Amino acid sequence: VWQFLQHINAPIGGANIDLEARTAI
């Protein structure tokens, strides 16, 4: 079967935001 790849959202929100981790992701 053809499996269509799903969209992955970038991280948003959260109580503790790690800007370096988000930039890397």
PDBML (XML) file of the C-alpha atoms, coordinates in Angstrom:
<?xml version="1.0" encoding="UTF-8" ?>
<PDBx:datablock datablockName="MODEL"
   xmlns:PDBx="http://pdbml.pdb.org/schema/pdbx-v50.xsd"
   xmlns:xsi="http://www.w3.org/2001/XMLSchema-instance"
   xsi:schemaLocation="http://pdbml.pdb.org/schema/pdbx-v50.xsd pdbx-v50.xsd">
   <PDBx:atom_siteCategory>
      <PDBx:atom_site id="1">
         <PDBx:B_iso_or_equiv>0.00</PDBx:B_iso_or_equiv>
         <PDBx:Cartn_x>0.000</PDBx:Cartn_x>
         <PDBx:Cartn_y>0.000</PDBx:Cartn_y>
         <PDBx:Cartn_z>0.000</PDBx:Cartn_z>
         <PDBx:auth_asym_id>A</PDBx:auth_asym_id>
         <PDBx:auth_atom_id>CA</PDBx:auth_atom_id>
         <PDBx:auth_comp_id>VAL</PDBx:auth_comp_id>
         <PDBx:auth_seq_id>1</PDBx:auth_seq_id>
         <PDBx:group_PDB>ATOM</PDBx:group_PDB>
         <PDBx:label_alt_id xsi:nil="true" />
         <PDBx:label_asym_id>A</PDBx:label_asym_id>
         <PDBx:label_atom_id>CA</PDBx:label_atom_id>
         <PDBx:label_comp_id>VAL</PDBx:label_comp_id>
         <PDBx:label_entity_id>1</PDBx:label_entity_id>
         <PDBx:label_seq_id>1</PDBx:label_seq_id>
         <PDBx:occupancy>1.00</PDBx:occupancy>
         <PDBx:pdbx_PDB_model_num>1</PDBx:pdbx_PDB_model_num>
         <PDBx:type_symbol>C</PDBx:type_symbol>
      </PDBx:atom_site>
      <PDBx:atom_site id="2">
         <PDBx:B_iso_or_equiv>0.00</PDBx:B_iso_or_equiv>
         <PDBx:Cartn_x>1.172</PDBx:Cartn_x>
         <PDBx:Cartn_y>3.552</PDBx:Cartn_y>
         <PDBx:Cartn_z>-0.660</PDBx:Cartn_z>
         <PDBx:auth_asym_id>A</PDBx:auth_asym_id>
         <PDBx:auth_atom_id>CA</PDBx:auth_atom_id>
         <PDBx:auth_comp_id>TRP</PDBx:auth_comp_id>
         <PDBx:auth_seq_id>2</PDBx:auth_seq_id>
         <PDBx:group_PDB>ATOM</PDBx:group_PDB>
         <PDBx:label_alt_id xsi:nil="true" />
         <PDBx:label_asym_id>A</PDBx:label_asym_id>
         <PDBx:label_atom_id>CA</PDBx:label_atom_id>
         <PDBx:label_comp_id>TRP</PDBx:label_comp_id>
         <PDBx:label_entity_id>1</PDBx:label_entity_id>
         <PDBx:label_seq_id>2</PDBx:label_seq_id>
         <PDBx:occupancy>1.00</PDBx:occupancy>
         <PDBx:pdbx_PDB_model_num>1</PDBx:pdbx_PDB_model_num>
         <PDBx:type_symbol>C</PDBx:type_symbol>
      </PDBx:atom_site>
      <PDBx:atom_site id="3">
         <PDBx:B_iso_or_equiv>0.00</PDBx:B_iso_or_equiv>
         <PDBx:Cartn_x>1.587</PDBx:Cartn_x>
         <PDBx:Cartn_y>5.239</PDBx:Cartn_y>
         <PDBx:Cartn_z>2.729</PDBx:Cartn_z>
         <PDBx:auth_asym_id>A</PDBx:auth_asym_id>
         <PDBx:auth_atom_id>CA</PDBx:auth_atom_id>
         <PDBx:auth_comp_id>GLN</PDBx:auth_comp_id>
         <PDBx:auth_seq_id>3</PDBx:auth_seq_id>
         <PDBx:group_PDB>ATOM</PDBx:group_PDB>
         <PDBx:label_alt_id xsi:nil="true" />
         <PDBx:label_asym_id>A</PDBx:label_asym_id>
         <PDBx:label_atom_id>CA</PDBx:label_atom_id>
         <PDBx:label_comp_id>GLN</PDBx:label_comp_id>
         <PDBx:label_entity_id>1</PDBx:label_entity_id>
         <PDBx:label_seq_id>3</PDBx:label_seq_id>
         <PDBx:occupancy>1.00</PDBx:occupancy>
         <PDBx:pdbx_PDB_model_num>1</PDBx:pdbx_PDB_model_num>
         <PDBx:type_symbol>C</PDBx:type_symbol>
      </PDBx:atom_site>
      <PDBx:atom_site id="4">
         <PDBx:B_iso_or_equiv>0.00</PDBx:B_iso_or_equiv>
         <PDBx:Cartn_x>1.392</PDBx:Cartn_x>
         <PDBx:Cartn_y>9.027</PDBx:Cartn_y>
         <PDBx:Cartn_z>2.462</PDBx:Cartn_z>
         <PDBx:auth_asym_id>A</PDBx:auth_asym_id>
         <PDBx:auth_atom_id>CA</PDBx:auth_atom_id>
         <PDBx:auth_comp_id>PHE</PDBx:auth_comp_id>
         <PDBx:auth_seq_id>4</PDBx:auth_seq_id>
         <PDBx:group_PDB>ATOM</PDBx:group_PDB>
         <PDBx:label_alt_id xsi:nil="true" />
         <PDBx:label_asym_id>A</PDBx:label_asym_id>
         <PDBx:label_atom_id>CA</PDBx:label_atom_id>
         <PDBx:label_comp_id>PHE</PDBx:label_comp_id>
         <PDBx:label_entity_id>1</PDBx:label_entity_id>
         <PDBx:label_seq_id>4</PDBx:label_seq_id>
         <PDBx:occupancy>1.00</PDBx:occupancy>
         <PDBx:pdbx_PDB_model_num>1</PDBx:pdbx_PDB_model_num>
         <PDBx:type_symbol>C</PDBx:type_symbol>
      </PDBx:atom_site>
      <PDBx:atom_site id="5">
         <PDBx:B_iso_or_equiv>0.00</PDBx:B_iso_or_equiv>
         <PDBx:Cartn_x>3.672</PDBx:Cartn_x>
         <PDBx:Cartn_y>10.816</PDBx:Cartn_y>
         <PDBx:Cartn_z>4.889</PDBx:Cartn_z>
         <PDBx:auth_asym_id>A</PDBx:auth_asym_id>
         <PDBx:auth_atom_id>CA</PDBx:auth_atom_id>
         <PDBx:auth_comp_id>LEU</PDBx:auth_comp_id>
         <PDBx:auth_seq_id>5</PDBx:auth_seq_id>
         <PDBx:group_PDB>ATOM</PDBx:group_PDB>
         <PDBx:label_alt_id xsi:nil="true" />
         <PDBx:label_asym_id>A</PDBx:label_asym_id>
         <PDBx:label_atom_id>CA</PDBx:label_atom_id>
         <PDBx:label_comp_id>LEU</PDBx:label_comp_id>
         <PDBx:label_entity_id>1</PDBx:label_entity_id>
         <PDBx:label_seq_id>5</PDBx:label_seq_id>
         <PDBx:occupancy>1.00</PDBx:occupancy>
         <PDBx:pdbx_PDB_model_num>1</PDBx:pdbx_PDB_model_num>
         <PDBx:type_symbol>C</PDBx:type_symbol>
      </PDBx:atom_site>
      <PDBx:atom_site id="6">
         <PDBx:B_iso_or_equiv>0.00</PDBx:B_iso_or_equiv>
         <PDBx:Cartn_x>1.931</PDBx:Cartn_x>
         <PDBx:Cartn_y>13.068</PDBx:Cartn_y>
         <PDBx:Cartn_z>7.352</PDBx:Cartn_z>
         <PDBx:auth_asym_id>A</PDBx:auth_asym_id>
         <PDBx:auth_atom_id>CA</PDBx:auth_atom_id>
         <PDBx:auth_comp_id>GLN</PDBx:auth_comp_id>
         <PDBx:auth_seq_id>6</PDBx:auth_seq_id>
         <PDBx:group_PDB>ATOM</PDBx:group_PDB>
         <PDBx:label_alt_id xsi:nil="true" />
         <PDBx:label_asym_id>A</PDBx:label_asym_id>
         <PDBx:label_atom_id>CA</PDBx:label_atom_id>
         <PDBx:label_comp_id>GLN</PDBx:label_comp_id>
         <PDBx:label_entity_id>1</PDBx:label_entity_id>
         <PDBx:label_seq_id>6</PDBx:label_seq_id>
         <PDBx:occupancy>1.00</PDBx:occupancy>
         <PDBx:pdbx_PDB_model_num>1</PDBx:pdbx_PDB_model_num>
         <PDBx:type_symbol>C</PDBx:type_symbol>
      </PDBx:atom_site>
      <PDBx:atom_site id="7">
         <PDBx:B_iso_or_equiv>0.00</PDBx:B_iso_or_equiv>
         <PDBx:Cartn_x>2.840</PDBx:Cartn_x>
         <PDBx:Cartn_y>16.658</PDBx:Cartn_y>
         <PDBx:Cartn_z>8.122</PDBx:Cartn_z>
         <PDBx:auth_asym_id>A</PDBx:auth_asym_id>
         <PDBx:auth_atom_id>CA</PDBx:auth_atom_id>
         <PDBx:auth_comp_id>HIS</PDBx:auth_comp_id>
         <PDBx:auth_seq_id>7</PDBx:auth_seq_id>
         <PDBx:group_PDB>ATOM</PDBx:group_PDB>
         <PDBx:label_alt_id xsi:nil="true" />
         <PDBx:label_asym_id>A</PDBx:label_asym_id>
         <PDBx:label_atom_id>CA</PDBx:label_atom_id>
         <PDBx:label_comp_id>HIS</PDBx:label_comp_id>
         <PDBx:label_entity_id>1</PDBx:label_entity_id>
         <PDBx:label_seq_id>7</PDBx:label_seq_id>
         <PDBx:occupancy>1.00</PDBx:occupancy>
         <PDBx:pdbx_PDB_model_num>1</PDBx:pdbx_PDB_model_num>
         <PDBx:type_symbol>C</PDBx:type_symbol>
      </PDBx:atom_site>
      <PDBx:atom_site id="8">
         <PDBx:B_iso_or_equiv>0.00</PDBx:B_iso_or_equiv>
         <PDBx:Cartn_x>4.791</PDBx:Cartn_x>
         <PDBx:Cartn_y>17.189</PDBx:Cartn_y>
         <PDBx:Cartn_z>11.350</PDBx:Cartn_z>
         <PDBx:auth_asym_id>A</PDBx:auth_asym_id>
         <PDBx:auth_atom_id>CA</PDBx:auth_atom_id>
         <PDBx:auth_comp_id>ILE</PDBx:auth_comp_id>
         <PDBx:auth_seq_id>8</PDBx:auth_seq_id>
         <PDBx:group_PDB>ATOM</PDBx:group_PDB>
         <PDBx:label_alt_id xsi:nil="true" />
         <PDBx:label_asym_id>A</PDBx:label_asym_id>
         <PDBx:label_atom_id>CA</PDBx:label_atom_id>
         <PDBx:label_comp_id>ILE</PDBx:label_comp_id>
         <PDBx:label_entity_id>1</PDBx:label_entity_id>
         <PDBx:label_seq_id>8</PDBx:label_seq_id>
         <PDBx:occupancy>1.00</PDBx:occupancy>
         <PDBx:pdbx_PDB_model_num>1</PDBx:pdbx_PDB_model_num>
         <PDBx:type_symbol>C</PDBx:type_symbol>
      </PDBx:atom_site>
      <PDBx:atom_site id="9">
         <PDBx:B_iso_or_equiv>0.00</PDBx:B_iso_or_equiv>
         <PDBx:Cartn_x>4.161</PDBx:Cartn_x>
         <PDBx:Cartn_y>20.493</PDBx:Cartn_y>
         <PDBx:Cartn_z>13.091</PDBx:Cartn_z>
         <PDBx:auth_asym_id>A</PDBx:auth_asym_id>
         <PDBx:auth_atom_id>CA</PDBx:auth_atom_id>
         <PDBx:auth_comp_id>ASN</PDBx:auth_comp_id>
         <PDBx:auth_seq_id>9</PDBx:auth_seq_id>
         <PDBx:group_PDB>ATOM</PDBx:group_PDB>
         <PDBx:label_alt_id xsi:nil="true" />
         <PDBx:label_asym_id>A</PDBx:label_asym_id>
         <PDBx:label_atom_id>CA</PDBx:label_atom_id>
         <PDBx:label_comp_id>ASN</PDBx:label_comp_id>
         <PDBx:label_entity_id>1</PDBx:label_entity_id>
         <PDBx:label_seq_id>9</PDBx:label_seq_id>
         <PDBx:occupancy>1.00</PDBx:occupancy>
         <PDBx:pdbx_PDB_model_num>1</PDBx:pdbx_PDB_model_num>
         <PDBx:type_symbol>C</PDBx:type_symbol>
      </PDBx:atom_site>
      <PDBx:atom_site id="10">
         <PDBx:B_iso_or_equiv>0.00</PDBx:B_iso_or_equiv>
         <PDBx:Cartn_x>6.956</PDBx:Cartn_x>
         <PDBx:Cartn_y>22.540</PDBx:Cartn_y>
         <PDBx:Cartn_z>14.569</PDBx:Cartn_z>
         <PDBx:auth_asym_id>A</PDBx:auth_asym_id>
         <PDBx:auth_atom_id>CA</PDBx:auth_atom_id>
         <PDBx:auth_comp_id>ALA</PDBx:auth_comp_id>
         <PDBx:auth_seq_id>10</PDBx:auth_seq_id>
         <PDBx:group_PDB>ATOM</PDBx:group_PDB>
         <PDBx:label_alt_id xsi:nil="true" />
         <PDBx:label_asym_id>A</PDBx:label_asym_id>
         <PDBx:label_atom_id>CA</PDBx:label_atom_id>
         <PDBx:label_comp_id>ALA</PDBx:label_comp_id>
         <PDBx:label_entity_id>1</PDBx:label_entity_id>
         <PDBx:label_seq_id>10</PDBx:label_seq_id>
         <PDBx:occupancy>1.00</PDBx:occupancy>
         <PDBx:pdbx_PDB_model_num>1</PDBx:pdbx_PDB_model_num>
         <PDBx:type_symbol>C</PDBx:type_symbol>
      </PDBx:atom_site>
      <PDBx:atom_site id="11">
         <PDBx:B_iso_or_equiv>0.00</PDBx:B_iso_or_equiv>
         <PDBx:Cartn_x>6.812</PDBx:Cartn_x>
         <PDBx:Cartn_y>22.895</PDBx:Cartn_y>
         <PDBx:Cartn_z>18.362</PDBx:Cartn_z>
         <PDBx:auth_asym_id>A</PDBx:auth_asym_id>
         <PDBx:auth_atom_id>CA</PDBx:auth_atom_id>
         <PDBx:auth_comp_id>PRO</PDBx:auth_comp_id>
         <PDBx:auth_seq_id>11</PDBx:auth_seq_id>
         <PDBx:group_PDB>ATOM</PDBx:group_PDB>
         <PDBx:label_alt_id xsi:nil="true" />
         <PDBx:label_asym_id>A</PDBx:label_asym_id>
         <PDBx:label_atom_id>CA</PDBx:label_atom_id>
         <PDBx:label_comp_id>PRO</PDBx:label_comp_id>
         <PDBx:label_entity_id>1</PDBx:label_entity_id>
         <PDBx:label_seq_id>11</PDBx:label_seq_id>
         <PDBx:occupancy>1.00</PDBx:occupancy>
         <PDBx:pdbx_PDB_model_num>1</PDBx:pdbx_PDB_model_num>
         <PDBx:type_symbol>C</PDBx:type_symbol>
      </PDBx:atom_site>
      <PDBx:atom_site id="12">
         <PDBx:B_iso_or_equiv>0.00</PDBx:B_iso_or_equiv>
         <PDBx:Cartn_x>4.719</PDBx:Cartn_x>
         <PDBx:Cartn_y>25.756</PDBx:Cartn_y>
         <PDBx:Cartn_z>19.745</PDBx:Cartn_z>
         <PDBx:auth_asym_id>A</PDBx:auth_asym_id>
         <PDBx:auth_atom_id>CA</PDBx:auth_atom_id>
         <PDBx:auth_comp_id>ILE</PDBx:auth_comp_id>
         <PDBx:auth_seq_id>12</PDBx:auth_seq_id>
         <PDBx:group_PDB>ATOM</PDBx:group_PDB>
         <PDBx:label_alt_id xsi:nil="true" />
         <PDBx:label_asym_id>A</PDBx:label_asym_id>
         <PDBx:label_atom_id>CA</PDBx:label_atom_id>
         <PDBx:label_comp_id>ILE</PDBx:label_comp_id>
         <PDBx:label_entity_id>1</PDBx:label_entity_id>
         <PDBx:label_seq_id>12</PDBx:label_seq_id>
         <PDBx:occupancy>1.00</PDBx:occupancy>
         <PDBx:pdbx_PDB_model_num>1</PDBx:pdbx_PDB_model_num>
         <PDBx:type_symbol>C</PDBx:type_symbol>
      </PDBx:atom_site>
      <PDBx:atom_site id="13">
         <PDBx:B_iso_or_equiv>0.00</PDBx:B_iso_or_equiv>
         <PDBx:Cartn_x>3.558</PDBx:Cartn_x>
         <PDBx:Cartn_y>26.800</PDBx:Cartn_y>
         <PDBx:Cartn_z>23.196</PDBx:Cartn_z>
         <PDBx:auth_asym_id>A</PDBx:auth_asym_id>
         <PDBx:auth_atom_id>CA</PDBx:auth_atom_id>
         <PDBx:auth_comp_id>GLY</PDBx:auth_comp_id>
         <PDBx:auth_seq_id>13</PDBx:auth_seq_id>
         <PDBx:group_PDB>ATOM</PDBx:group_PDB>
         <PDBx:label_alt_id xsi:nil="true" />
         <PDBx:label_asym_id>A</PDBx:label_asym_id>
         <PDBx:label_atom_id>CA</PDBx:label_atom_id>
         <PDBx:label_comp_id>GLY</PDBx:label_comp_id>
         <PDBx:label_entity_id>1</PDBx:label_entity_id>
         <PDBx:label_seq_id>13</PDBx:label_seq_id>
         <PDBx:occupancy>1.00</PDBx:occupancy>
         <PDBx:pdbx_PDB_model_num>1</PDBx:pdbx_PDB_model_num>
         <PDBx:type_symbol>C</PDBx:type_symbol>
      </PDBx:atom_site>
      <PDBx:atom_site id="14">
         <PDBx:B_iso_or_equiv>0.00</PDBx:B_iso_or_equiv>
         <PDBx:Cartn_x>4.409</PDBx:Cartn_x>
         <PDBx:Cartn_y>24.986</PDBx:Cartn_y>
         <PDBx:Cartn_z>26.397</PDBx:Cartn_z>
         <PDBx:auth_asym_id>A</PDBx:auth_asym_id>
         <PDBx:auth_atom_id>CA</PDBx:auth_atom_id>
         <PDBx:auth_comp_id>GLY</PDBx:auth_comp_id>
         <PDBx:auth_seq_id>14</PDBx:auth_seq_id>
         <PDBx:group_PDB>ATOM</PDBx:group_PDB>
         <PDBx:label_alt_id xsi:nil="true" />
         <PDBx:label_asym_id>A</PDBx:label_asym_id>
         <PDBx:label_atom_id>CA</PDBx:label_atom_id>
         <PDBx:label_comp_id>GLY</PDBx:label_comp_id>
         <PDBx:label_entity_id>1</PDBx:label_entity_id>
         <PDBx:label_seq_id>14</PDBx:label_seq_id>
         <PDBx:occupancy>1.00</PDBx:occupancy>
         <PDBx:pdbx_PDB_model_num>1</PDBx:pdbx_PDB_model_num>
         <PDBx:type_symbol>C</PDBx:type_symbol>
      </PDBx:atom_site>
      <PDBx:atom_site id="15">
         <PDBx:B_iso_or_equiv>0.00</PDBx:B_iso_or_equiv>
         <PDBx:Cartn_x>5.254</PDBx:Cartn_x>
         <PDBx:Cartn_y>26.009</PDBx:Cartn_y>
         <PDBx:Cartn_z>29.959</PDBx:Cartn_z>
         <PDBx:auth_asym_id>A</PDBx:auth_asym_id>
         <PDBx:auth_atom_id>CA</PDBx:auth_atom_id>
         <PDBx:auth_comp_id>ALA</PDBx:auth_comp_id>
         <PDBx:auth_seq_id>15</PDBx:auth_seq_id>
         <PDBx:group_PDB>ATOM</PDBx:group_PDB>
         <PDBx:label_alt_id xsi:nil="true" />
         <PDBx:label_asym_id>A</PDBx:label_asym_id>
         <PDBx:label_atom_id>CA</PDBx:label_atom_id>
         <PDBx:label_comp_id>ALA</PDBx:label_comp_id>
         <PDBx:label_entity_id>1</PDBx:label_entity_id>
         <PDBx:label_seq_id>15</PDBx:label_seq_id>
         <PDBx:occupancy>1.00</PDBx:occupancy>
         <PDBx:pdbx_PDB_model_num>1</PDBx:pdbx_PDB_model_num>
         <PDBx:type_symbol>C</PDBx:type_symbol>
      </PDBx:atom_site>
      <PDBx:atom_site id="16">
         <PDBx:B_iso_or_equiv>0.00</PDBx:B_iso_or_equiv>
         <PDBx:Cartn_x>9.043</PDBx:Cartn_x>
         <PDBx:Cartn_y>25.848</PDBx:Cartn_y>
         <PDBx:Cartn_z>29.541</PDBx:Cartn_z>
         <PDBx:auth_asym_id>A</PDBx:auth_asym_id>
         <PDBx:auth_atom_id>CA</PDBx:auth_atom_id>
         <PDBx:auth_comp_id>ASN</PDBx:auth_comp_id>
         <PDBx:auth_seq_id>16</PDBx:auth_seq_id>
         <PDBx:group_PDB>ATOM</PDBx:group_PDB>
         <PDBx:label_alt_id xsi:nil="true" />
         <PDBx:label_asym_id>A</PDBx:label_asym_id>
         <PDBx:label_atom_id>CA</PDBx:label_atom_id>
         <PDBx:label_comp_id>ASN</PDBx:label_comp_id>
         <PDBx:label_entity_id>1</PDBx:label_entity_id>
         <PDBx:label_seq_id>16</PDBx:label_seq_id>
         <PDBx:occupancy>1.00</PDBx:occupancy>
         <PDBx:pdbx_PDB_model_num>1</PDBx:pdbx_PDB_model_num>
         <PDBx:type_symbol>C</PDBx:type_symbol>
      </PDBx:atom_site>
      <PDBx:atom_site id="17">
         <PDBx:B_iso_or_equiv>0.00</PDBx:B_iso_or_equiv>
         <PDBx:Cartn_x>10.313</PDBx:Cartn_x>
         <PDBx:Cartn_y>27.004</PDBx:Cartn_y>
         <PDBx:Cartn_z>26.158</PDBx:Cartn_z>
         <PDBx:auth_asym_id>A</PDBx:auth_asym_id>
         <PDBx:auth_atom_id>CA</PDBx:auth_atom_id>
         <PDBx:auth_comp_id>ILE</PDBx:auth_comp_id>
         <PDBx:auth_seq_id>17</PDBx:auth_seq_id>
         <PDBx:group_PDB>ATOM</PDBx:group_PDB>
         <PDBx:label_alt_id xsi:nil="true" />
         <PDBx:label_asym_id>A</PDBx:label_asym_id>
         <PDBx:label_atom_id>CA</PDBx:label_atom_id>
         <PDBx:label_comp_id>ILE</PDBx:label_comp_id>
         <PDBx:label_entity_id>1</PDBx:label_entity_id>
         <PDBx:label_seq_id>17</PDBx:label_seq_id>
         <PDBx:occupancy>1.00</PDBx:occupancy>
         <PDBx:pdbx_PDB_model_num>1</PDBx:pdbx_PDB_model_num>
         <PDBx:type_symbol>C</PDBx:type_symbol>
      </PDBx:atom_site>
      <PDBx:atom_site id="18">
         <PDBx:B_iso_or_equiv>0.00</PDBx:B_iso_or_equiv>
         <PDBx:Cartn_x>13.815</PDBx:Cartn_x>
         <PDBx:Cartn_y>25.958</PDBx:Cartn_y>
         <PDBx:Cartn_z>25.140</PDBx:Cartn_z>
         <PDBx:auth_asym_id>A</PDBx:auth_asym_id>
         <PDBx:auth_atom_id>CA</PDBx:auth_atom_id>
         <PDBx:auth_comp_id>ASP</PDBx:auth_comp_id>
         <PDBx:auth_seq_id>18</PDBx:auth_seq_id>
         <PDBx:group_PDB>ATOM</PDBx:group_PDB>
         <PDBx:label_alt_id xsi:nil="true" />
         <PDBx:label_asym_id>A</PDBx:label_asym_id>
         <PDBx:label_atom_id>CA</PDBx:label_atom_id>
         <PDBx:label_comp_id>ASP</PDBx:label_comp_id>
         <PDBx:label_entity_id>1</PDBx:label_entity_id>
         <PDBx:label_seq_id>18</PDBx:label_seq_id>
         <PDBx:occupancy>1.00</PDBx:occupancy>
         <PDBx:pdbx_PDB_model_num>1</PDBx:pdbx_PDB_model_num>
         <PDBx:type_symbol>C</PDBx:type_symbol>
      </PDBx:atom_site>
      <PDBx:atom_site id="19">
         <PDBx:B_iso_or_equiv>0.00</PDBx:B_iso_or_equiv>
         <PDBx:Cartn_x>14.674</PDBx:Cartn_x>
         <PDBx:Cartn_y>28.230</PDBx:Cartn_y>
         <PDBx:Cartn_z>22.210</PDBx:Cartn_z>
         <PDBx:auth_asym_id>A</PDBx:auth_asym_id>
         <PDBx:auth_atom_id>CA</PDBx:auth_atom_id>
         <PDBx:auth_comp_id>LEU</PDBx:auth_comp_id>
         <PDBx:auth_seq_id>19</PDBx:auth_seq_id>
         <PDBx:group_PDB>ATOM</PDBx:group_PDB>
         <PDBx:label_alt_id xsi:nil="true" />
         <PDBx:label_asym_id>A</PDBx:label_asym_id>
         <PDBx:label_atom_id>CA</PDBx:label_atom_id>
         <PDBx:label_comp_id>LEU</PDBx:label_comp_id>
         <PDBx:label_entity_id>1</PDBx:label_entity_id>
         <PDBx:label_seq_id>19</PDBx:label_seq_id>
         <PDBx:occupancy>1.00</PDBx:occupancy>
         <PDBx:pdbx_PDB_model_num>1</PDBx:pdbx_PDB_model_num>
         <PDBx:type_symbol>C</PDBx:type_symbol>
      </PDBx:atom_site>
      <PDBx:atom_site id="20">
         <PDBx:B_iso_or_equiv>0.00</PDBx:B_iso_or_equiv>
         <PDBx:Cartn_x>17.826</PDBx:Cartn_x>
         <PDBx:Cartn_y>26.318</PDBx:Cartn_y>
         <PDBx:Cartn_z>21.292</PDBx:Cartn_z>
         <PDBx:auth_asym_id>A</PDBx:auth_asym_id>
         <PDBx:auth_atom_id>CA</PDBx:auth_atom_id>
         <PDBx:auth_comp_id>GLU</PDBx:auth_comp_id>
         <PDBx:auth_seq_id>20</PDBx:auth_seq_id>
         <PDBx:group_PDB>ATOM</PDBx:group_PDB>
         <PDBx:label_alt_id xsi:nil="true" />
         <PDBx:label_asym_id>A</PDBx:label_asym_id>
         <PDBx:label_atom_id>CA</PDBx:label_atom_id>
         <PDBx:label_comp_id>GLU</PDBx:label_comp_id>
         <PDBx:label_entity_id>1</PDBx:label_entity_id>
         <PDBx:label_seq_id>20</PDBx:label_seq_id>
         <PDBx:occupancy>1.00</PDBx:occupancy>
         <PDBx:pdbx_PDB_model_num>1</PDBx:pdbx_PDB_model_num>
         <PDBx:type_symbol>C</PDBx:type_symbol>
      </PDBx:atom_site>
      <PDBx:atom_site id="21">
         <PDBx:B_iso_or_equiv>0.00</PDBx:B_iso_or_equiv>
         <PDBx:Cartn_x>15.937</PDBx:Cartn_x>
         <PDBx:Cartn_y>23.012</PDBx:Cartn_y>
         <PDBx:Cartn_z>21.160</PDBx:Cartn_z>
         <PDBx:auth_asym_id>A</PDBx:auth_asym_id>
         <PDBx:auth_atom_id>CA</PDBx:auth_atom_id>
         <PDBx:auth_comp_id>ALA</PDBx:auth_comp_id>
         <PDBx:auth_seq_id>21</PDBx:auth_seq_id>
         <PDBx:group_PDB>ATOM</PDBx:group_PDB>
         <PDBx:label_alt_id xsi:nil="true" />
         <PDBx:label_asym_id>A</PDBx:label_asym_id>
         <PDBx:label_atom_id>CA</PDBx:label_atom_id>
         <PDBx:label_comp_id>ALA</PDBx:label_comp_id>
         <PDBx:label_entity_id>1</PDBx:label_entity_id>
         <PDBx:label_seq_id>21</PDBx:label_seq_id>
         <PDBx:occupancy>1.00</PDBx:occupancy>
         <PDBx:pdbx_PDB_model_num>1</PDBx:pdbx_PDB_model_num>
         <PDBx:type_symbol>C</PDBx:type_symbol>
      </PDBx:atom_site>
      <PDBx:atom_site id="22">
         <PDBx:B_iso_or_equiv>0.00</PDBx:B_iso_or_equiv>
         <PDBx:Cartn_x>13.147</PDBx:Cartn_x>
         <PDBx:Cartn_y>24.581</PDBx:Cartn_y>
         <PDBx:Cartn_z>19.078</PDBx:Cartn_z>
         <PDBx:auth_asym_id>A</PDBx:auth_asym_id>
         <PDBx:auth_atom_id>CA</PDBx:auth_atom_id>
         <PDBx:auth_comp_id>ARG</PDBx:auth_comp_id>
         <PDBx:auth_seq_id>22</PDBx:auth_seq_id>
         <PDBx:group_PDB>ATOM</PDBx:group_PDB>
         <PDBx:label_alt_id xsi:nil="true" />
         <PDBx:label_asym_id>A</PDBx:label_asym_id>
         <PDBx:label_atom_id>CA</PDBx:label_atom_id>
         <PDBx:label_comp_id>ARG</PDBx:label_comp_id>
         <PDBx:label_entity_id>1</PDBx:label_entity_id>
         <PDBx:label_seq_id>22</PDBx:label_seq_id>
         <PDBx:occupancy>1.00</PDBx:occupancy>
         <PDBx:pdbx_PDB_model_num>1</PDBx:pdbx_PDB_model_num>
         <PDBx:type_symbol>C</PDBx:type_symbol>
      </PDBx:atom_site>
      <PDBx:atom_site id="23">
         <PDBx:B_iso_or_equiv>0.00</PDBx:B_iso_or_equiv>
         <PDBx:Cartn_x>15.670</PDBx:Cartn_x>
         <PDBx:Cartn_y>26.075</PDBx:Cartn_y>
         <PDBx:Cartn_z>16.654</PDBx:Cartn_z>
         <PDBx:auth_asym_id>A</PDBx:auth_asym_id>
         <PDBx:auth_atom_id>CA</PDBx:auth_atom_id>
         <PDBx:auth_comp_id>THR</PDBx:auth_comp_id>
         <PDBx:auth_seq_id>23</PDBx:auth_seq_id>
         <PDBx:group_PDB>ATOM</PDBx:group_PDB>
         <PDBx:label_alt_id xsi:nil="true" />
         <PDBx:label_asym_id>A</PDBx:label_asym_id>
         <PDBx:label_atom_id>CA</PDBx:label_atom_id>
         <PDBx:label_comp_id>THR</PDBx:label_comp_id>
         <PDBx:label_entity_id>1</PDBx:label_entity_id>
         <PDBx:label_seq_id>23</PDBx:label_seq_id>
         <PDBx:occupancy>1.00</PDBx:occupancy>
         <PDBx:pdbx_PDB_model_num>1</PDBx:pdbx_PDB_model_num>
         <PDBx:type_symbol>C</PDBx:type_symbol>
      </PDBx:atom_site>
      <PDBx:atom_site id="24">
         <PDBx:B_iso_or_equiv>0.00</PDBx:B_iso_or_equiv>
         <PDBx:Cartn_x>17.312</PDBx:Cartn_x>
         <PDBx:Cartn_y>22.655</PDBx:Cartn_y>
         <PDBx:Cartn_z>16.289</PDBx:Cartn_z>
         <PDBx:auth_asym_id>A</PDBx:auth_asym_id>
         <PDBx:auth_atom_id>CA</PDBx:auth_atom_id>
         <PDBx:auth_comp_id>ALA</PDBx:auth_comp_id>
         <PDBx:auth_seq_id>24</PDBx:auth_seq_id>
         <PDBx:group_PDB>ATOM</PDBx:group_PDB>
         <PDBx:label_alt_id xsi:nil="true" />
         <PDBx:label_asym_id>A</PDBx:label_asym_id>
         <PDBx:label_atom_id>CA</PDBx:label_atom_id>
         <PDBx:label_comp_id>ALA</PDBx:label_comp_id>
         <PDBx:label_entity_id>1</PDBx:label_entity_id>
         <PDBx:label_seq_id>24</PDBx:label_seq_id>
         <PDBx:occupancy>1.00</PDBx:occupancy>
         <PDBx:pdbx_PDB_model_num>1</PDBx:pdbx_PDB_model_num>
         <PDBx:type_symbol>C</PDBx:type_symbol>
      </PDBx:atom_site>
      <PDBx:atom_site id="25">
         <PDBx:B_iso_or_equiv>0.00</PDBx:B_iso_or_equiv>
         <PDBx:Cartn_x>13.949</PDBx:Cartn_x>
         <PDBx:Cartn_y>20.911</PDBx:Cartn_y>
         <PDBx:Cartn_z>15.743</PDBx:Cartn_z>
         <PDBx:auth_asym_id>A</PDBx:auth_asym_id>
         <PDBx:auth_atom_id>CA</PDBx:auth_atom_id>
         <PDBx:auth_comp_id>ILE</PDBx:auth_comp_id>
         <PDBx:auth_seq_id>25</PDBx:auth_seq_id>
         <PDBx:group_PDB>ATOM</PDBx:group_PDB>
         <PDBx:label_alt_id xsi:nil="true" />
         <PDBx:label_asym_id>A</PDBx:label_asym_id>
         <PDBx:label_atom_id>CA</PDBx:label_atom_id>
         <PDBx:label_comp_id>ILE</PDBx:label_comp_id>
         <PDBx:label_entity_id>1</PDBx:label_entity_id>
         <PDBx:label_seq_id>25</PDBx:label_seq_id>
         <PDBx:occupancy>1.00</PDBx:occupancy>
         <PDBx:pdbx_PDB_model_num>1</PDBx:pdbx_PDB_model_num>
         <PDBx:type_symbol>C</PDBx:type_symbol>
      </PDBx:atom_site>
   </PDBx:atom_siteCategory>
</PDBx:datablock>
